[in-house]
Amino acid sequence: MDSTAPTGTQRESHLLQAFVQMADTLVDDYDVADVLHQLVGHCVRLLDAAAAGLMLSDQRGNLQVLASSSERTRLLELFQIQNNEGPCLDCVRSGESVVVADLTAATRRWPMFAPLAVGDGFVSVSAVPLRLRRETIGALNLFGREPRPLNDQDARVARALADTATIGILQERAIRRGEVLTEQLQTALNSRIIIEQAKGVLAYAGNLEMDQAFETLRRYARRHGIRLSDIARQLVTGGLLPQEVLPSSDNSVDS
C-alpha cells in the first residue's frame, strides 16, 4: 500500500507498545471511543496503510462509524453506509477479510464507492472483520495509495490488533456484570455521537478543521485524566466552555 511504515527495530518497538496499550483494556478501566481511535492510529503508523477507519454494528444491526484516522476517511466510511456498498459492508456481511489491490478495477463491484475512494487518492483497500467467535460485530478498513494489498506480515498484525480491540470491547468482566453485547456496542455508539457533536462545537468556536478539533479534544481529556466521552458531553451540555479546551486557553504541553 504505502512505503512510509516503520521498519526493523523501530517498528518492532512500536508494535510492542501498540499491543501493550491495546491489552491494557483487558485489565484496566478504559474509554471505548479512545481505544478505537488508538487502533486506527496504530494501523496508520505501523502498517503499509495511508488511512484507516472502523465501523461497529448497533443493537439493530446497523453499521456506524466509530473511529477514523482523518475526517476524510470518516466521510468515506459514512458514504459506504449511506449507499450500502463498500469493503467494510462486504466484510461484515461475509465475516471474512476483503482485499482489493486496485480500486480502479473495482467499479463493477462498488460503482459508487470505488470512484470516490480513487478520487481521494486511495488505490487499494483491505477490510478486516472484528469478530467474536462466529459473530462479526464490525470491520477495520485500511486504505493505501499504491495498487497493492497489505503484505502477509502487515495483514497478520492488522488481524491481531482488530482481535485485541474486539476482546477489549466485549471483555468477559463486562459480560459477567450482566451487560449484554448490544448494550456494550450501543454505549460505544452513543459516546461517538457525543464526540462528533463536541468536535463541531470546538471547530466552530476555534475556527478549526474537524481533525484538529478532535485532536484538541483528545489532548485536553488526556491532560486532565478524564474520559474523552465525558469531556465531550460537558462541552455539548455547556458544563465546559470551548475556550477552556482550545489551546489558546490551556497552554500546557501534551506529553
Protein backbone atom coordinates (compact mmCIF):
# COMPACT_ATOMS: atom_id res chain seq x y z
CA MET A 1 0.00 0.00 0.00
CA ASP A 2 2.42 2.78 1.13
CA SER A 3 6.14 2.98 1.77
CA THR A 4 6.11 5.10 4.94
CA ALA A 5 5.61 2.38 7.56
CA PRO A 6 8.48 1.99 10.06
CA THR A 7 10.80 -0.96 9.66
CA GLY A 8 13.27 -3.01 11.68
CA THR A 9 13.78 -2.50 15.41
CA GLN A 10 11.83 0.77 15.37
CA ARG A 11 8.77 -0.99 14.00
CA GLU A 12 9.12 -3.84 16.50
CA SER A 13 9.27 -1.34 19.36
CA HIS A 14 6.19 0.49 18.10
CA LEU A 15 4.36 -2.81 17.65
CA LEU A 16 5.13 -3.84 21.21
CA GLN A 17 3.89 -0.51 22.55
CA ALA A 18 0.70 -0.80 20.50
CA PHE A 19 -0.17 -4.27 21.77
CA VAL A 20 0.65 -3.33 25.37
CA GLN A 21 -1.62 -0.32 25.04
CA MET A 22 -4.45 -2.33 23.49
CA ALA A 23 -4.04 -5.14 26.05
CA ASP A 24 -4.42 -2.62 28.90
CA THR A 25 -8.13 -2.54 28.10
CA LEU A 26 -8.37 -6.09 29.48
CA VAL A 27 -7.17 -5.20 32.96
CA ASP A 28 -7.94 -1.50 33.46
CA ASP A 29 -10.76 0.98 33.04
CA TYR A 30 -10.88 2.39 29.52
CA ASP A 31 -12.77 4.62 27.11
CA VAL A 32 -14.02 2.60 24.12
CA ALA A 33 -14.05 5.60 21.78
CA ASP A 34 -10.43 6.43 22.63
CA VAL A 35 -9.33 2.78 22.33
CA LEU A 36 -10.76 2.56 18.82
CA HIS A 37 -9.15 5.84 17.82
CA GLN A 38 -5.84 4.44 19.09
CA LEU A 39 -6.42 1.34 16.96
CA VAL A 40 -6.80 3.25 13.68
CA GLY A 41 -3.83 5.41 14.64
CA HIS A 42 -1.66 2.34 15.26
CA CYS A 43 -2.68 0.93 11.88
CA VAL A 44 -1.58 4.04 10.02
CA ARG A 45 1.70 4.33 11.94
CA LEU A 46 2.66 0.66 11.89
CA LEU A 47 1.24 -0.77 8.69
CA ASP A 48 1.59 -0.09 5.00
CA ALA A 49 -1.60 1.99 5.08
CA ALA A 50 -2.32 5.66 4.39
CA ALA A 51 -5.60 5.83 6.33
CA ALA A 52 -7.87 3.68 8.46
CA GLY A 53 -11.49 3.63 9.60
CA LEU A 54 -13.59 1.40 11.83
CA MET A 55 -17.28 0.51 11.92
CA LEU A 56 -19.36 -1.33 14.53
CA SER A 57 -22.90 -2.70 14.42
CA ASP A 58 -25.51 -1.17 16.72
CA GLN A 59 -28.22 -3.14 18.52
CA ARG A 60 -30.40 -3.14 15.39
CA GLY A 61 -27.59 -4.48 13.23
CA ASN A 62 -26.93 -1.15 11.53
CA LEU A 63 -23.31 -0.14 10.95
CA GLN A 64 -21.97 3.07 12.48
CA VAL A 65 -18.59 4.77 12.05
CA LEU A 66 -16.74 4.65 15.38
CA ALA A 67 -13.22 5.80 14.54
CA SER A 68 -11.16 7.13 11.63
CA SER A 69 -7.63 8.39 11.11
CA SER A 70 -8.88 11.55 9.38
CA GLU A 71 -12.09 13.43 8.70
CA ARG A 72 -11.97 12.49 5.01
CA THR A 73 -11.69 8.82 5.90
CA ARG A 74 -14.70 9.18 8.22
CA LEU A 75 -16.71 10.61 5.32
CA LEU A 76 -15.65 7.72 3.08
CA GLU A 77 -16.84 5.25 5.72
CA LEU A 78 -20.15 7.11 6.08
CA PHE A 79 -20.55 7.04 2.30
CA GLN A 80 -20.38 3.24 2.37
CA ILE A 81 -23.18 3.07 4.92
CA GLN A 82 -25.37 5.64 3.19
CA ASN A 83 -25.03 3.94 -0.20
CA ASN A 84 -25.00 0.35 1.07
CA GLU A 85 -21.79 -0.62 -0.73
CA GLY A 86 -18.10 -0.87 0.01
CA PRO A 87 -15.41 -3.11 1.52
CA CYS A 88 -16.47 -2.67 5.15
CA LEU A 89 -20.05 -3.70 4.41
CA ASP A 90 -18.92 -6.74 2.41
CA CYS A 91 -16.52 -7.67 5.21
CA VAL A 92 -19.20 -7.52 7.92
CA ARG A 93 -21.70 -9.45 5.82
CA SER A 94 -19.28 -12.25 4.97
CA GLY A 95 -17.28 -12.27 8.21
CA GLU A 96 -14.14 -12.55 6.06
CA SER A 97 -11.40 -10.12 5.09
CA VAL A 98 -11.96 -8.17 1.88
CA VAL A 99 -8.81 -7.23 -0.05
CA VAL A 100 -8.75 -5.20 -3.27
CA ALA A 101 -5.31 -4.35 -4.65
CA ASP A 102 -6.57 -1.92 -7.31
CA LEU A 103 -9.75 0.05 -6.72
CA THR A 104 -9.71 1.41 -10.25
CA ALA A 105 -10.66 -2.11 -11.37
CA ALA A 106 -13.45 -2.46 -8.75
CA THR A 107 -16.08 -0.18 -10.26
CA ARG A 108 -18.36 -3.11 -11.10
CA ARG A 109 -18.27 -4.32 -7.52
CA TRP A 110 -18.62 -0.85 -5.96
CA PRO A 111 -19.80 1.55 -8.71
CA MET A 112 -20.19 4.50 -6.32
CA PHE A 113 -17.61 3.84 -3.62
CA ALA A 114 -14.62 2.86 -5.79
CA PRO A 115 -14.51 6.07 -7.90
CA LEU A 116 -14.94 8.21 -4.78
CA ALA A 117 -12.08 6.47 -2.95
CA VAL A 118 -9.84 6.73 -6.01
CA GLY A 119 -10.74 10.40 -6.32
CA ASP A 120 -9.49 10.85 -2.76
CA GLY A 121 -6.17 9.29 -3.72
CA PHE A 122 -6.77 5.77 -2.35
CA VAL A 123 -5.95 2.97 -4.77
CA SER A 124 -6.14 -0.15 -2.58
CA VAL A 125 -8.16 -1.32 0.42
CA SER A 126 -8.16 -4.11 2.99
CA ALA A 127 -11.13 -4.65 5.31
CA VAL A 128 -10.57 -6.83 8.40
CA PRO A 129 -13.55 -8.20 10.38
CA LEU A 130 -13.99 -7.58 14.11
CA ARG A 131 -15.24 -10.98 15.18
CA LEU A 132 -16.28 -12.55 18.46
CA ARG A 133 -16.29 -16.29 17.77
CA ARG A 134 -18.77 -16.62 14.89
CA GLU A 135 -20.35 -13.19 15.27
CA THR A 136 -18.96 -10.27 13.25
CA ILE A 137 -19.54 -7.00 15.10
CA GLY A 138 -17.70 -4.61 12.79
CA ALA A 139 -14.80 -4.08 10.42
CA LEU A 140 -11.48 -2.27 10.22
CA ASN A 141 -10.80 -0.59 6.87
CA LEU A 142 -7.22 0.10 5.70
CA PHE A 143 -6.65 2.32 2.67
CA GLY A 144 -3.46 2.56 0.57
CA ARG A 145 -2.18 4.95 -2.06
CA GLU A 146 -0.40 2.26 -4.09
CA PRO A 147 -2.06 -0.52 -6.18
CA ARG A 148 -1.05 -3.41 -3.93
CA PRO A 149 -2.59 -5.21 -0.94
CA LEU A 150 -1.17 -5.41 2.56
CA ASN A 151 1.75 -7.82 2.72
CA ASP A 152 1.25 -11.00 4.76
CA GLN A 153 3.05 -9.65 7.83
CA ASP A 154 1.02 -6.44 7.95
CA ALA A 155 -2.20 -8.39 7.36
CA ARG A 156 -1.41 -10.57 10.40
CA VAL A 157 -0.67 -7.51 12.53
CA ALA A 158 -3.94 -5.85 11.44
CA ARG A 159 -5.83 -9.05 12.29
CA ALA A 160 -4.19 -9.24 15.73
CA LEU A 161 -4.91 -5.56 16.50
CA ALA A 162 -8.54 -6.00 15.44
CA ASP A 163 -8.91 -9.12 17.59
CA THR A 164 -7.38 -7.39 20.61
CA ALA A 165 -9.72 -4.42 20.20
CA THR A 166 -12.73 -6.74 19.88
CA ILE A 167 -11.81 -8.54 23.09
CA GLY A 168 -11.36 -5.18 24.80
CA ILE A 169 -14.83 -4.02 23.78
CA LEU A 170 -16.56 -7.23 24.73
CA GLN A 171 -14.35 -8.38 27.55
CA GLU A 172 -15.72 -11.05 29.82
CA ARG A 173 -15.73 -8.95 33.00
CA ALA A 174 -18.35 -6.63 31.46
CA ILE A 175 -20.49 -9.56 30.38
CA ARG A 176 -20.25 -11.03 33.91
CA ARG A 177 -21.66 -7.78 35.28
CA GLY A 178 -24.78 -8.52 33.27
CA GLU A 179 -24.15 -6.12 30.40
CA VAL A 180 -25.40 -7.55 27.15
CA LEU A 181 -23.36 -7.41 23.97
CA THR A 182 -25.76 -4.99 22.29
CA GLU A 183 -25.67 -2.65 25.28
CA GLN A 184 -21.88 -2.58 25.15
CA LEU A 185 -21.91 -1.64 21.50
CA GLN A 186 -24.69 0.91 21.93
CA THR A 187 -22.73 2.64 24.69
CA ALA A 188 -19.77 2.98 22.33
CA LEU A 189 -22.01 4.32 19.56
CA ASN A 190 -23.67 6.85 21.86
CA SER A 191 -20.25 8.06 23.01
CA ARG A 192 -19.18 8.56 19.41
CA ILE A 193 -22.27 10.70 18.68
CA ILE A 194 -21.47 12.96 21.63
CA ILE A 195 -17.84 13.22 20.49
CA GLU A 196 -18.89 14.21 16.96
CA GLN A 197 -21.11 16.94 18.44
CA ALA A 198 -18.27 18.18 20.65
CA LYS A 199 -15.95 18.28 17.62
CA GLY A 200 -18.44 20.56 15.93
CA VAL A 201 -18.60 22.86 18.97
CA LEU A 202 -14.79 23.18 19.08
CA ALA A 203 -14.45 23.52 15.32
CA TYR A 204 -16.92 26.41 15.31
CA ALA A 205 -15.53 28.14 18.41
CA GLY A 206 -11.88 27.82 17.39
CA ASN A 207 -12.25 28.02 13.60
CA LEU A 208 -10.64 24.56 13.34
CA GLU A 209 -10.84 21.70 10.90
CA MET A 210 -12.72 18.69 12.29
CA ASP A 211 -9.48 16.67 12.59
CA GLN A 212 -7.88 19.50 14.58
CA ALA A 213 -10.95 19.78 16.80
CA PHE A 214 -10.81 16.07 17.63
CA GLU A 215 -7.10 16.16 18.49
CA THR A 216 -7.68 19.23 20.69
CA LEU A 217 -10.49 17.43 22.50
CA ARG A 218 -8.42 14.29 22.93
CA ARG A 219 -5.35 16.13 24.23
CA TYR A 220 -7.44 18.01 26.78
CA ALA A 221 -9.06 14.78 28.02
CA ARG A 222 -5.67 13.07 28.40
CA ARG A 223 -4.01 16.02 30.14
CA HIS A 224 -6.79 16.15 32.70
CA GLY A 225 -7.22 12.40 33.12
CA ILE A 226 -10.89 12.47 32.10
CA ARG A 227 -12.64 10.18 29.64
CA LEU A 228 -12.92 11.55 26.13
CA SER A 229 -16.67 10.94 26.07
CA ASP A 230 -17.13 12.72 29.42
CA ILE A 231 -15.28 15.82 28.23
CA ALA A 232 -17.34 15.76 25.02
CA ARG A 233 -20.58 15.54 27.00
CA GLN A 234 -19.59 18.50 29.16
CA LEU A 235 -18.88 20.56 26.05
CA VAL A 236 -22.16 19.67 24.39
CA THR A 237 -24.26 20.30 27.51
CA GLY A 238 -22.50 23.56 28.44
CA GLY A 239 -20.74 22.24 31.52
CA LEU A 240 -17.42 23.13 29.88
CA LEU A 241 -16.75 26.16 27.68
CA PRO A 242 -14.93 25.72 24.35
CA GLN A 243 -12.43 28.39 25.43
CA GLU A 244 -11.37 26.14 28.30
CA VAL A 245 -10.45 23.36 25.87
CA LEU A 246 -8.95 25.31 23.00
CA PRO A 247 -5.12 25.62 23.03
CA SER A 248 -5.20 29.40 23.50
CA SER A 249 -6.91 28.84 26.86
CA ASP A 250 -4.76 25.89 28.01
CA ASN A 251 -1.08 26.27 27.30
CA SER A 252 0.06 23.06 28.99
CA VAL A 253 2.12 20.75 26.80
CA ASP A 254 0.79 17.32 25.89
CA SER A 255 3.09 14.53 26.97
